[in-house]
Amino acid sequence: MRKNIAAVGAGYWGKNIIRNLYELGSLKTICDEREELKEIYEKSCPDTTFTSSFSSVLLDPSIKAVVIATPEETHYELARKALLADKDVFVEKSLTLKLEEGEKLAELVEKKGKILMVGHILRYHPAVNKLKELIDKKELGEIQYIYSNRLNMGRIRSKADVLWDFAPHDISVILFLLDEFPDVIFSTGGSYFQPEALDVALIHLDFPSGVKAHIFVSRLHPFKEQKLVVIGSRKMAVFDDVSKEKLFLYSHKIKWMEKIPVVQRADPELISFEMKEPLKLELEHFIDCIEKHIIPKTDVKEGLRVLRVLQASRKSLETGKKIYL
């Protein structure tokens, strides 16, 4: 692999991206405004350069791509400048904070012929891809309902509320598993520390096929929970990203006895798969895309689909009405 990628942002999540890019042999430059990090990365990532200037990254012809892991409110401007400088771009979720900004980036991608990949990491999680395989093989029967909980006593963000901070993961996965887009969205939630920043939200999604789903996100929760449940006509699946064993199938059945429904419970079946670090798989995919110039699984169009759900959810929250798409 060629060392031709710059990592922009070395903070909370950026440091994990830097570690993986370095291990993959693709990291050339680390860019962060905090000069005090230079000494740290000179030791942990030798043979890379450190700069506090994003402009110098854009002007460096040896840098072919940038990976952006900065606060969401900076994504649009940084990605726009990188595309204009003829760099391929990976931007962490959310793509932007405004749908119209995401649409402008999509137009720029088309105009420049560059790659823009969005960091929807769960699309690269081996358990999620195994779950998709089970769904496509009808192992669960017909899908009836999906719900996800992403809960934590998390960081309180001033610019990005919990919808943009937590929900993109689950929106992306549900759209992927169902392979369709919702036609009705209704949301509710609350802000408890800052008037404009939601801390708790519940999103209801209706799909054209008749499948319904809900997403519950909160950064005011006493413990961490990251769980996705898929209810099928034959079996139920649980993806629990907090547990060591990630994926389970339940074959509970309901039988009618003298016109009374009786639940017959079954022990959970642990589903095996080869577990690899999702972030590394995601970045390997980005590297493959820029080297072969192929469209990423989570391209700018995928980012826009997630933004449309987020925007509709926010509009529903503000109006108290269902949003029809």
C-alpha atoms as a PDB file:
ATOM      1  CA  MET A   1       0.000   0.000   0.000  1.00  0.00           C
ATOM      2  CA  ARG A   2       1.108   3.553  -0.672  1.00  0.00           C
ATOM      3  CA  LYS A   3       1.512   6.130   2.086  1.00  0.00           C
ATOM      4  CA  ASN A   4      -0.637   8.835   0.568  1.00  0.00           C
ATOM      5  CA  ILE A   5      -3.449   9.535   3.067  1.00  0.00           C
ATOM      6  CA  ALA A   6      -3.743  12.418   5.518  1.00  0.00           C
ATOM      7  CA  ALA A   7      -5.768  11.999   8.704  1.00  0.00           C
ATOM      8  CA  VAL A   8      -7.464  15.281   9.623  1.00  0.00           C
ATOM      9  CA  GLY A   9      -8.466  15.401  13.278  1.00  0.00           C
ATOM     10  CA  ALA A  10      -6.645  13.482  16.019  1.00  0.00           C
ATOM     11  CA  GLY A  11      -9.240  13.685  18.760  1.00  0.00           C
ATOM     12  CA  TYR A  12     -11.786  11.321  20.331  1.00  0.00           C
ATOM     13  CA  TRP A  13     -12.306   9.152  17.217  1.00  0.00           C
ATOM     14  CA  GLY A  14      -9.522  10.478  15.038  1.00  0.00           C
ATOM     15  CA  LYS A  15      -6.874   8.761  17.125  1.00  0.00           C
ATOM     16  CA  ASN A  16      -8.419   5.374  16.269  1.00  0.00           C
ATOM     17  CA  ILE A  17      -8.412   6.238  12.577  1.00  0.00           C
ATOM     18  CA  ILE A  18      -4.770   7.284  12.809  1.00  0.00           C
ATOM     19  CA  ARG A  19      -3.816   4.018  14.500  1.00  0.00           C
ATOM     20  CA  ASN A  20      -5.517   1.935  11.830  1.00  0.00           C
ATOM     21  CA  LEU A  21      -4.216   3.917   8.864  1.00  0.00           C
ATOM     22  CA  TYR A  22      -0.705   3.644  10.297  1.00  0.00           C
ATOM     23  CA  GLU A  23      -1.060  -0.114  10.794  1.00  0.00           C
ATOM     24  CA  LEU A  24      -2.342  -0.407   7.219  1.00  0.00           C
ATOM     25  CA  GLY A  25       0.758   1.395   5.937  1.00  0.00           C
ATOM     26  CA  SER A  26      -1.208   4.210   4.280  1.00  0.00           C
ATOM     27  CA  LEU A  27      -0.767   7.131   6.672  1.00  0.00           C
ATOM     28  CA  LYS A  28       1.458   9.925   5.406  1.00  0.00           C
ATOM     29  CA  THR A  29       0.367  12.993   7.392  1.00  0.00           C
ATOM     30  CA  ILE A  30      -1.526  13.808  10.579  1.00  0.00           C
ATOM     31  CA  CYS A  31      -3.288  17.164  10.666  1.00  0.00           C
ATOM     32  CA  ASP A  32      -4.587  18.715  13.884  1.00  0.00           C
ATOM     33  CA  GLU A  33      -4.673  22.251  15.238  1.00  0.00           C
ATOM     34  CA  ARG A  34      -3.142  21.156  18.543  1.00  0.00           C
ATOM     35  CA  GLU A  35       0.607  21.478  18.090  1.00  0.00           C
ATOM     36  CA  GLU A  36       1.206  19.695  21.404  1.00  0.00           C
ATOM     37  CA  LEU A  37       0.160  16.416  19.754  1.00  0.00           C
ATOM     38  CA  LYS A  38       3.129  16.516  17.394  1.00  0.00           C
ATOM     39  CA  GLU A  39       5.573  14.977  19.870  1.00  0.00           C
ATOM     40  CA  ILE A  40       3.114  12.222  20.773  1.00  0.00           C
ATOM     41  CA  TYR A  41       2.605  11.147  17.176  1.00  0.00           C
ATOM     42  CA  GLU A  42       6.272  11.437  16.287  1.00  0.00           C
ATOM     43  CA  LYS A  43       6.770   8.585  18.770  1.00  0.00           C
ATOM     44  CA  SER A  44       3.680   6.475  18.035  1.00  0.00           C
ATOM     45  CA  CYS A  45       3.690   6.988  14.253  1.00  0.00           C
ATOM     46  CA  PRO A  46       7.297   7.399  13.096  1.00  0.00           C
ATOM     47  CA  ASP A  47       7.886   8.081   9.398  1.00  0.00           C
ATOM     48  CA  THR A  48       4.780  10.267   9.227  1.00  0.00           C
ATOM     49  CA  THR A  49       4.565  14.056   9.201  1.00  0.00           C
ATOM     50  CA  PHE A  50       2.488  16.262  11.493  1.00  0.00           C
ATOM     51  CA  THR A  51       0.987  19.616  10.576  1.00  0.00           C
ATOM     52  CA  SER A  52      -1.486  22.041  12.086  1.00  0.00           C
ATOM     53  CA  SER A  53      -2.273  23.479   8.647  1.00  0.00           C
ATOM     54  CA  PHE A  54      -5.091  21.945   6.602  1.00  0.00           C
ATOM     55  CA  SER A  55      -4.033  24.166   3.700  1.00  0.00           C
ATOM     56  CA  SER A  56      -0.631  22.487   3.599  1.00  0.00           C
ATOM     57  CA  VAL A  57      -2.374  19.108   3.305  1.00  0.00           C
ATOM     58  CA  LEU A  58      -4.395  20.368   0.345  1.00  0.00           C
ATOM     59  CA  LEU A  59      -1.310  21.765  -1.366  1.00  0.00           C
ATOM     60  CA  ASP A  60       0.722  18.559  -0.993  1.00  0.00           C
ATOM     61  CA  PRO A  61       0.537  16.653  -4.323  1.00  0.00           C
ATOM     62  CA  SER A  62       1.774  13.438  -2.669  1.00  0.00           C
ATOM     63  CA  ILE A  63      -1.391  13.298  -0.550  1.00  0.00           C
ATOM     64  CA  LYS A  64      -4.092  11.660  -2.648  1.00  0.00           C
ATOM     65  CA  ALA A  65      -6.827  11.329  -0.029  1.00  0.00           C
ATOM     66  CA  VAL A  66      -7.916  12.782   3.312  1.00  0.00           C
ATOM     67  CA  VAL A  67      -9.812  11.155   6.155  1.00  0.00           C
ATOM     68  CA  ILE A  68     -11.811  13.744   8.108  1.00  0.00           C
ATOM     69  CA  ALA A  69     -12.618  13.049  11.767  1.00  0.00           C
ATOM     70  CA  THR A  70     -13.379  16.530  13.061  1.00  0.00           C
ATOM     71  CA  PRO A  71     -16.574  17.918  14.667  1.00  0.00           C
ATOM     72  CA  GLU A  72     -19.636  17.552  12.404  1.00  0.00           C
ATOM     73  CA  GLU A  73     -20.061  21.286  11.927  1.00  0.00           C
ATOM     74  CA  THR A  74     -16.702  21.392  10.083  1.00  0.00           C
ATOM     75  CA  HIS A  75     -17.349  18.434   7.741  1.00  0.00           C
ATOM     76  CA  TYR A  76     -18.903  20.342   4.866  1.00  0.00           C
ATOM     77  CA  GLU A  77     -16.212  22.983   4.513  1.00  0.00           C
ATOM     78  CA  LEU A  78     -13.289  20.593   4.959  1.00  0.00           C
ATOM     79  CA  ALA A  79     -14.714  18.021   2.541  1.00  0.00           C
ATOM     80  CA  ARG A  80     -15.550  20.739   0.001  1.00  0.00           C
ATOM     81  CA  LYS A  81     -12.023  22.140   0.084  1.00  0.00           C
ATOM     82  CA  ALA A  82     -10.491  18.674  -0.191  1.00  0.00           C
ATOM     83  CA  LEU A  83     -12.607  17.780  -3.223  1.00  0.00           C
ATOM     84  CA  LEU A  84     -11.746  21.098  -4.879  1.00  0.00           C
ATOM     85  CA  ALA A  85      -8.082  20.239  -4.289  1.00  0.00           C
ATOM     86  CA  ASP A  86      -8.619  16.955  -6.183  1.00  0.00           C
ATOM     87  CA  LYS A  87      -8.366  14.724  -3.124  1.00  0.00           C
ATOM     88  CA  ASP A  88     -10.492  11.651  -2.496  1.00  0.00           C
ATOM     89  CA  VAL A  89     -12.329  12.042   0.799  1.00  0.00           C
ATOM     90  CA  PHE A  90     -13.497   9.914   3.696  1.00  0.00           C
ATOM     91  CA  VAL A  91     -15.638  11.879   6.154  1.00  0.00           C
ATOM     92  CA  GLU A  92     -16.878  10.546   9.459  1.00  0.00           C
ATOM     93  CA  LYS A  93     -20.611  10.546  10.122  1.00  0.00           C
ATOM     94  CA  SER A  94     -22.597  12.595   9.828  1.00  0.00           C
ATOM     95  CA  LEU A  95     -21.726  13.685   6.311  1.00  0.00           C
ATOM     96  CA  THR A  96     -22.908  17.225   7.158  1.00  0.00           C
ATOM     97  CA  LEU A  97     -25.377  18.885   9.525  1.00  0.00           C
ATOM     98  CA  LYS A  98     -27.575  20.144   6.665  1.00  0.00           C
ATOM     99  CA  LEU A  99     -29.052  18.177   3.784  1.00  0.00           C
ATOM    100  CA  GLU A 100     -28.435  21.022   1.321  1.00  0.00           C
ATOM    101  CA  GLU A 101     -24.718  20.959   2.197  1.00  0.00           C
ATOM    102  CA  GLY A 102     -24.615  17.208   1.572  1.00  0.00           C
ATOM    103  CA  GLU A 103     -26.297  17.743  -1.799  1.00  0.00           C
ATOM    104  CA  LYS A 104     -23.670  20.332  -2.743  1.00  0.00           C
ATOM    105  CA  LEU A 105     -20.932  17.826  -1.902  1.00  0.00           C
ATOM    106  CA  ALA A 106     -22.661  15.208  -4.051  1.00  0.00           C
ATOM    107  CA  GLU A 107     -22.694  17.651  -6.981  1.00  0.00           C
ATOM    108  CA  LEU A 108     -19.005  18.368  -6.431  1.00  0.00           C
ATOM    109  CA  VAL A 109     -18.161  14.650  -6.330  1.00  0.00           C
ATOM    110  CA  GLU A 110     -19.908  14.243  -9.684  1.00  0.00           C
ATOM    111  CA  LYS A 111     -18.161  17.272 -11.169  1.00  0.00           C
ATOM    112  CA  LYS A 112     -14.667  16.382  -9.968  1.00  0.00           C
ATOM    113  CA  GLY A 113     -14.925  12.631 -10.481  1.00  0.00           C
ATOM    114  CA  LYS A 114     -13.597  11.981  -6.989  1.00  0.00           C
ATOM    115  CA  ILE A 115     -14.547   9.539  -4.226  1.00  0.00           C
ATOM    116  CA  LEU A 116     -16.469  10.643  -1.153  1.00  0.00           C
ATOM    117  CA  MET A 117     -17.023   7.906   1.427  1.00  0.00           C
ATOM    118  CA  VAL A 118     -19.032   8.368   4.630  1.00  0.00           C
ATOM    119  CA  GLY A 119     -18.007   6.689   7.889  1.00  0.00           C
ATOM    120  CA  HIS A 120     -21.057   4.540   8.578  1.00  0.00           C
ATOM    121  CA  ILE A 121     -18.943   2.001  10.425  1.00  0.00           C
ATOM    122  CA  LEU A 122     -21.644  -0.564  11.208  1.00  0.00           C
ATOM    123  CA  ARG A 123     -22.017  -1.271   7.485  1.00  0.00           C
ATOM    124  CA  TYR A 124     -18.560  -2.872   7.787  1.00  0.00           C
ATOM    125  CA  HIS A 125     -19.238  -4.759  11.023  1.00  0.00           C
ATOM    126  CA  PRO A 126     -18.965  -8.529  10.389  1.00  0.00           C
ATOM    127  CA  ALA A 127     -22.012  -9.204  12.605  1.00  0.00           C
ATOM    128  CA  VAL A 128     -24.179  -6.757  10.660  1.00  0.00           C
ATOM    129  CA  ASN A 129     -23.119  -8.256   7.354  1.00  0.00           C
ATOM    130  CA  LYS A 130     -23.819 -11.745   8.703  1.00  0.00           C
ATOM    131  CA  LEU A 131     -27.266 -10.537   9.794  1.00  0.00           C
ATOM    132  CA  LYS A 132     -27.900  -9.154   6.303  1.00  0.00           C
ATOM    133  CA  GLU A 133     -26.937 -12.547   4.868  1.00  0.00           C
ATOM    134  CA  LEU A 134     -29.422 -14.317   7.175  1.00  0.00           C
ATOM    135  CA  ILE A 135     -32.183 -11.873   6.205  1.00  0.00           C
ATOM    136  CA  ASP A 136     -31.524 -12.271   2.481  1.00  0.00           C
ATOM    137  CA  LYS A 137     -31.617 -16.074   2.852  1.00  0.00           C
ATOM    138  CA  LYS A 138     -35.016 -15.770   4.590  1.00  0.00           C
ATOM    139  CA  GLU A 139     -33.607 -17.419   7.714  1.00  0.00           C
ATOM    140  CA  LEU A 140     -35.810 -15.094   9.764  1.00  0.00           C
ATOM    141  CA  GLY A 141     -38.785 -15.385   7.411  1.00  0.00           C
ATOM    142  CA  GLU A 142     -40.507 -12.157   6.390  1.00  0.00           C
ATOM    143  CA  ILE A 143     -39.227  -9.126   8.299  1.00  0.00           C
ATOM    144  CA  GLN A 144     -41.979  -7.538  10.379  1.00  0.00           C
ATOM    145  CA  TYR A 145     -40.346  -5.055  12.751  1.00  0.00           C
ATOM    146  CA  ILE A 146     -36.894  -3.676  13.580  1.00  0.00           C
ATOM    147  CA  TYR A 147     -35.800  -1.588  16.519  1.00  0.00           C
ATOM    148  CA  SER A 148     -32.499  -0.282  17.789  1.00  0.00           C
ATOM    149  CA  ASN A 149     -31.331   1.255  21.050  1.00  0.00           C
ATOM    150  CA  ARG A 150     -28.180   3.375  21.136  1.00  0.00           C
ATOM    151  CA  LEU A 151     -27.952   4.625  24.687  1.00  0.00           C
ATOM    152  CA  ASN A 152     -25.152   5.947  26.857  1.00  0.00           C
ATOM    153  CA  MET A 153     -24.174   8.593  29.365  1.00  0.00           C
ATOM    154  CA  GLY A 154     -22.243  10.167  26.531  1.00  0.00           C
ATOM    155  CA  ARG A 155     -20.514  13.382  25.640  1.00  0.00           C
ATOM    156  CA  ILE A 156     -22.789  16.423  25.572  1.00  0.00           C
ATOM    157  CA  ARG A 157     -22.161  18.075  22.206  1.00  0.00           C
ATOM    158  CA  SER A 158     -22.957  21.753  21.703  1.00  0.00           C
ATOM    159  CA  LYS A 159     -23.259  21.749  17.906  1.00  0.00           C
ATOM    160  CA  ALA A 160     -24.517  18.253  16.981  1.00  0.00           C
ATOM    161  CA  ASP A 161     -27.515  16.901  18.880  1.00  0.00           C
ATOM    162  CA  VAL A 162     -28.108  13.225  19.631  1.00  0.00           C
ATOM    163  CA  LEU A 163     -29.887  12.700  16.287  1.00  0.00           C
ATOM    164  CA  TRP A 164     -26.768  13.558  14.294  1.00  0.00           C
ATOM    165  CA  ASP A 165     -24.393  12.150  16.913  1.00  0.00           C
ATOM    166  CA  PHE A 166     -25.934   8.701  17.515  1.00  0.00           C
ATOM    167  CA  ALA A 167     -28.728   7.956  15.032  1.00  0.00           C
ATOM    168  CA  PRO A 168     -26.752   7.808  11.718  1.00  0.00           C
ATOM    169  CA  HIS A 169     -25.342   4.400  12.680  1.00  0.00           C
ATOM    170  CA  ASP A 170     -28.742   2.817  13.126  1.00  0.00           C
ATOM    171  CA  ILE A 171     -30.443   4.587  10.234  1.00  0.00           C
ATOM    172  CA  SER A 172     -27.706   3.369   7.900  1.00  0.00           C
ATOM    173  CA  VAL A 173     -27.975  -0.225   9.146  1.00  0.00           C
ATOM    174  CA  ILE A 174     -31.788  -0.387   8.974  1.00  0.00           C
ATOM    175  CA  LEU A 175     -31.827   1.004   5.423  1.00  0.00           C
ATOM    176  CA  PHE A 176     -29.156  -1.565   4.516  1.00  0.00           C
ATOM    177  CA  LEU A 177     -30.971  -4.530   6.079  1.00  0.00           C
ATOM    178  CA  LEU A 178     -34.329  -3.684   4.502  1.00  0.00           C
ATOM    179  CA  ASP A 179     -32.973  -2.331   1.217  1.00  0.00           C
ATOM    180  CA  GLU A 180     -35.750   0.266   1.074  1.00  0.00           C
ATOM    181  CA  PHE A 181     -36.417   3.838   2.160  1.00  0.00           C
ATOM    182  CA  PRO A 182     -39.117   4.891   4.662  1.00  0.00           C
ATOM    183  CA  ASP A 183     -42.163   6.768   3.429  1.00  0.00           C
ATOM    184  CA  VAL A 184     -43.412   8.024   6.821  1.00  0.00           C
ATOM    185  CA  ILE A 185     -41.364   9.328   9.762  1.00  0.00           C
ATOM    186  CA  PHE A 186     -42.552  10.490  13.165  1.00  0.00           C
ATOM    187  CA  SER A 187     -40.217  11.529  15.973  1.00  0.00           C
ATOM    188  CA  THR A 188     -40.273  12.782  19.513  1.00  0.00           C
ATOM    189  CA  GLY A 189     -37.543  13.769  21.940  1.00  0.00           C
ATOM    190  CA  GLY A 190     -36.240  16.263  24.436  1.00  0.00           C
ATOM    191  CA  SER A 191     -33.456  18.751  25.179  1.00  0.00           C
ATOM    192  CA  TYR A 192     -32.387  19.026  28.799  1.00  0.00           C
ATOM    193  CA  PHE A 193     -29.064  20.902  28.869  1.00  0.00           C
ATOM    194  CA  GLN A 194     -29.091  23.116  25.770  1.00  0.00           C
ATOM    195  CA  PRO A 195     -32.295  24.326  24.068  1.00  0.00           C
ATOM    196  CA  GLU A 196     -31.180  23.547  20.506  1.00  0.00           C
ATOM    197  CA  ALA A 197     -29.398  20.237  21.151  1.00  0.00           C
ATOM    198  CA  LEU A 198     -31.523  17.128  21.598  1.00  0.00           C
ATOM    199  CA  ASP A 199     -30.357  14.701  24.258  1.00  0.00           C
ATOM    200  CA  VAL A 200     -33.032  12.023  23.746  1.00  0.00           C
ATOM    201  CA  ALA A 201     -34.951  11.077  20.589  1.00  0.00           C
ATOM    202  CA  LEU A 202     -37.277   8.330  19.407  1.00  0.00           C
ATOM    203  CA  ILE A 203     -37.715   7.929  15.648  1.00  0.00           C
ATOM    204  CA  HIS A 204     -40.561   5.874  14.155  1.00  0.00           C
ATOM    205  CA  LEU A 205     -40.141   4.674  10.562  1.00  0.00           C
ATOM    206  CA  ASP A 206     -42.790   3.187   8.251  1.00  0.00           C
ATOM    207  CA  PHE A 207     -41.599   1.454   5.076  1.00  0.00           C
ATOM    208  CA  PRO A 208     -43.498   0.851   1.816  1.00  0.00           C
ATOM    209  CA  SER A 209     -43.281  -2.937   2.344  1.00  0.00           C
ATOM    210  CA  GLY A 210     -45.227  -2.620   5.591  1.00  0.00           C
ATOM    211  CA  VAL A 211     -42.193  -3.104   7.841  1.00  0.00           C
ATOM    212  CA  LYS A 212     -42.056  -0.710  10.778  1.00  0.00           C
ATOM    213  CA  ALA A 213     -39.037   0.321  12.802  1.00  0.00           C
ATOM    214  CA  HIS A 214     -38.018   2.575  15.629  1.00  0.00           C
ATOM    215  CA  ILE A 215     -34.701   4.009  16.765  1.00  0.00           C
ATOM    216  CA  PHE A 216     -34.186   5.129  20.370  1.00  0.00           C
ATOM    217  CA  VAL A 217     -31.100   7.270  20.991  1.00  0.00           C
ATOM    218  CA  SER A 218     -30.085   8.914  24.246  1.00  0.00           C
ATOM    219  CA  ARG A 219     -26.945  10.383  25.768  1.00  0.00           C
ATOM    220  CA  LEU A 220     -28.669  10.586  29.156  1.00  0.00           C
ATOM    221  CA  HIS A 221     -28.786   6.907  30.019  1.00  0.00           C
ATOM    222  CA  PRO A 222     -27.345   5.225  33.124  1.00  0.00           C
ATOM    223  CA  PHE A 223     -25.561   2.495  31.156  1.00  0.00           C
ATOM    224  CA  LYS A 224     -24.302   1.803  27.653  1.00  0.00           C
ATOM    225  CA  GLU A 225     -26.525  -0.162  25.293  1.00  0.00           C
ATOM    226  CA  GLN A 226     -26.067  -0.711  21.569  1.00  0.00           C
ATOM    227  CA  LYS A 227     -28.621  -3.258  20.464  1.00  0.00           C
ATOM    228  CA  LEU A 228     -30.489  -3.960  17.220  1.00  0.00           C
ATOM    229  CA  VAL A 229     -33.430  -6.391  17.176  1.00  0.00           C
ATOM    230  CA  VAL A 230     -34.973  -7.779  13.978  1.00  0.00           C
ATOM    231  CA  ILE A 231     -38.348  -9.510  14.269  1.00  0.00           C
ATOM    232  CA  GLY A 232     -39.143 -11.991  11.508  1.00  0.00           C
ATOM    233  CA  SER A 233     -42.085 -14.298  10.888  1.00  0.00           C
ATOM    234  CA  ARG A 234     -39.910 -17.345  11.659  1.00  0.00           C
ATOM    235  CA  LYS A 235     -37.113 -16.129  13.911  1.00  0.00           C
ATOM    236  CA  MET A 236     -35.829 -13.075  15.738  1.00  0.00           C
ATOM    237  CA  ALA A 237     -32.256 -11.771  15.584  1.00  0.00           C
ATOM    238  CA  VAL A 238     -30.378  -9.671  18.116  1.00  0.00           C
ATOM    239  CA  PHE A 239     -27.169  -7.779  17.345  1.00  0.00           C
ATOM    240  CA  ASP A 240     -25.650  -6.671  20.647  1.00  0.00           C
ATOM    241  CA  ASP A 241     -22.509  -4.643  19.993  1.00  0.00           C
ATOM    242  CA  VAL A 242     -21.732  -4.276  23.706  1.00  0.00           C
ATOM    243  CA  SER A 243     -21.578  -8.004  24.417  1.00  0.00           C
ATOM    244  CA  LYS A 244     -18.674 -10.266  23.521  1.00  0.00           C
ATOM    245  CA  GLU A 245     -21.017 -12.580  21.588  1.00  0.00           C
ATOM    246  CA  LYS A 246     -22.493 -10.191  19.051  1.00  0.00           C
ATOM    247  CA  LEU A 247     -25.238 -12.006  17.166  1.00  0.00           C
ATOM    248  CA  PHE A 248     -28.041 -14.311  18.344  1.00  0.00           C
ATOM    249  CA  LEU A 249     -31.089 -15.968  16.804  1.00  0.00           C
ATOM    250  CA  TYR A 250     -34.238 -16.739  18.771  1.00  0.00           C
ATOM    251  CA  SER A 251     -36.731 -19.291  17.482  1.00  0.00           C
ATOM    252  CA  HIS A 252     -39.589 -18.426  19.835  1.00  0.00           C
ATOM    253  CA  LYS A 253     -42.944 -19.588  18.526  1.00  0.00           C
ATOM    254  CA  ILE A 254     -46.552 -18.803  19.286  1.00  0.00           C
ATOM    255  CA  LYS A 255     -48.997 -21.703  19.125  1.00  0.00           C
ATOM    256  CA  TRP A 256     -52.748 -21.534  19.481  1.00  0.00           C
ATOM    257  CA  MET A 257     -54.127 -23.834  22.127  1.00  0.00           C
ATOM    258  CA  GLU A 258     -57.911 -23.812  22.480  1.00  0.00           C
ATOM    259  CA  LYS A 259     -58.021 -20.428  20.755  1.00  0.00           C
ATOM    260  CA  ILE A 260     -55.447 -18.986  23.199  1.00  0.00           C
ATOM    261  CA  PRO A 261     -51.983 -17.882  21.947  1.00  0.00           C
ATOM    262  CA  VAL A 262     -49.244 -19.569  23.957  1.00  0.00           C
ATOM    263  CA  VAL A 263     -45.580 -18.571  23.723  1.00  0.00           C
ATOM    264  CA  GLN A 264     -43.078 -21.403  23.336  1.00  0.00           C
ATOM    265  CA  ARG A 265     -39.639 -20.062  24.121  1.00  0.00           C
ATOM    266  CA  ALA A 266     -36.437 -21.405  22.617  1.00  0.00           C
ATOM    267  CA  ASP A 267     -32.849 -21.020  23.776  1.00  0.00           C
ATOM    268  CA  PRO A 268     -30.841 -18.404  21.851  1.00  0.00           C
ATOM    269  CA  GLU A 269     -28.610 -19.653  19.064  1.00  0.00           C
ATOM    270  CA  LEU A 270     -25.215 -17.980  18.914  1.00  0.00           C
ATOM    271  CA  ILE A 271     -24.313 -17.128  15.313  1.00  0.00           C
ATOM    272  CA  SER A 272     -20.631 -17.515  14.493  1.00  0.00           C
ATOM    273  CA  PHE A 273     -18.660 -15.368  12.063  1.00  0.00           C
ATOM    274  CA  GLU A 274     -15.103 -14.153  11.661  1.00  0.00           C
ATOM    275  CA  MET A 275     -14.751 -11.062  13.814  1.00  0.00           C
ATOM    276  CA  LYS A 276     -12.418  -8.298  12.650  1.00  0.00           C
ATOM    277  CA  GLU A 277     -12.169  -4.684  13.773  1.00  0.00           C
ATOM    278  CA  PRO A 278     -14.929  -2.830  11.852  1.00  0.00           C
ATOM    279  CA  LEU A 279     -12.937   0.399  11.613  1.00  0.00           C
ATOM    280  CA  LYS A 280     -10.004  -1.391  10.040  1.00  0.00           C
ATOM    281  CA  LEU A 281     -12.317  -3.109   7.548  1.00  0.00           C
ATOM    282  CA  GLU A 282     -13.918   0.245   6.750  1.00  0.00           C
ATOM    283  CA  LEU A 283     -10.577   1.957   6.134  1.00  0.00           C
ATOM    284  CA  GLU A 284      -9.311  -1.005   4.088  1.00  0.00           C
ATOM    285  CA  HIS A 285     -12.384  -0.555   1.904  1.00  0.00           C
ATOM    286  CA  PHE A 286     -11.634   3.160   1.486  1.00  0.00           C
ATOM    287  CA  ILE A 287      -8.033   2.412   0.514  1.00  0.00           C
ATOM    288  CA  ASP A 288      -9.257  -0.181  -1.994  1.00  0.00           C
ATOM    289  CA  CYS A 289     -11.721   2.334  -3.429  1.00  0.00           C
ATOM    290  CA  ILE A 290      -9.125   5.074  -3.945  1.00  0.00           C
ATOM    291  CA  GLU A 291      -6.557   2.684  -5.419  1.00  0.00           C
ATOM    292  CA  LYS A 292      -9.035   1.072  -7.842  1.00  0.00           C
ATOM    293  CA  HIS A 293     -11.311   4.116  -8.154  1.00  0.00           C
ATOM    294  CA  ILE A 294     -14.475   2.204  -7.303  1.00  0.00           C
ATOM    295  CA  ILE A 295     -17.622   3.501  -5.609  1.00  0.00           C
ATOM    296  CA  PRO A 296     -17.647   2.872  -1.833  1.00  0.00           C
ATOM    297  CA  LYS A 297     -20.421   0.888  -0.165  1.00  0.00           C
ATOM    298  CA  THR A 298     -21.179   3.979   1.899  1.00  0.00           C
ATOM    299  CA  ASP A 299     -20.775   6.647  -0.755  1.00  0.00           C
ATOM    300  CA  VAL A 300     -22.135  10.181  -0.802  1.00  0.00           C
ATOM    301  CA  LYS A 301     -25.549   8.917  -1.956  1.00  0.00           C
ATOM    302  CA  GLU A 302     -25.728   6.695   1.115  1.00  0.00           C
ATOM    303  CA  GLY A 303     -24.778   9.709   3.231  1.00  0.00           C
ATOM    304  CA  LEU A 304     -27.611  11.724   1.657  1.00  0.00           C
ATOM    305  CA  ARG A 305     -30.178   8.993   2.370  1.00  0.00           C
ATOM    306  CA  VAL A 306     -29.238   9.057   6.040  1.00  0.00           C
ATOM    307  CA  LEU A 307     -29.338  12.869   6.084  1.00  0.00           C
ATOM    308  CA  ARG A 308     -32.852  12.828   4.585  1.00  0.00           C
ATOM    309  CA  VAL A 309     -34.066  10.605   7.419  1.00  0.00           C
ATOM    310  CA  LEU A 310     -32.326  12.813   9.978  1.00  0.00           C
ATOM    311  CA  GLN A 311     -33.804  15.992   8.513  1.00  0.00           C
ATOM    312  CA  ALA A 312     -37.305  14.498   8.379  1.00  0.00           C
ATOM    313  CA  SER A 313     -36.912  13.315  11.977  1.00  0.00           C
ATOM    314  CA  ARG A 314     -35.898  16.789  13.094  1.00  0.00           C
ATOM    315  CA  LYS A 315     -38.802  18.367  11.194  1.00  0.00           C
ATOM    316  CA  SER A 316     -41.232  15.939  12.834  1.00  0.00           C
ATOM    317  CA  LEU A 317     -39.839  16.833  16.242  1.00  0.00           C
ATOM    318  CA  GLU A 318     -40.272  20.529  15.572  1.00  0.00           C
ATOM    319  CA  THR A 319     -43.802  20.286  14.136  1.00  0.00           C
ATOM    320  CA  GLY A 320     -45.168  17.370  16.129  1.00  0.00           C
ATOM    321  CA  LYS A 321     -46.424  15.868  12.859  1.00  0.00           C
ATOM    322  CA  LYS A 322     -45.728  12.857  10.697  1.00  0.00           C
ATOM    323  CA  ILE A 323     -43.448  13.573   7.752  1.00  0.00           C
ATOM    324  CA  TYR A 324     -44.324  11.907   4.455  1.00  0.00           C
ATOM    325  CA  LEU A 325     -41.409  11.266   2.115  1.00  0.00           C
END
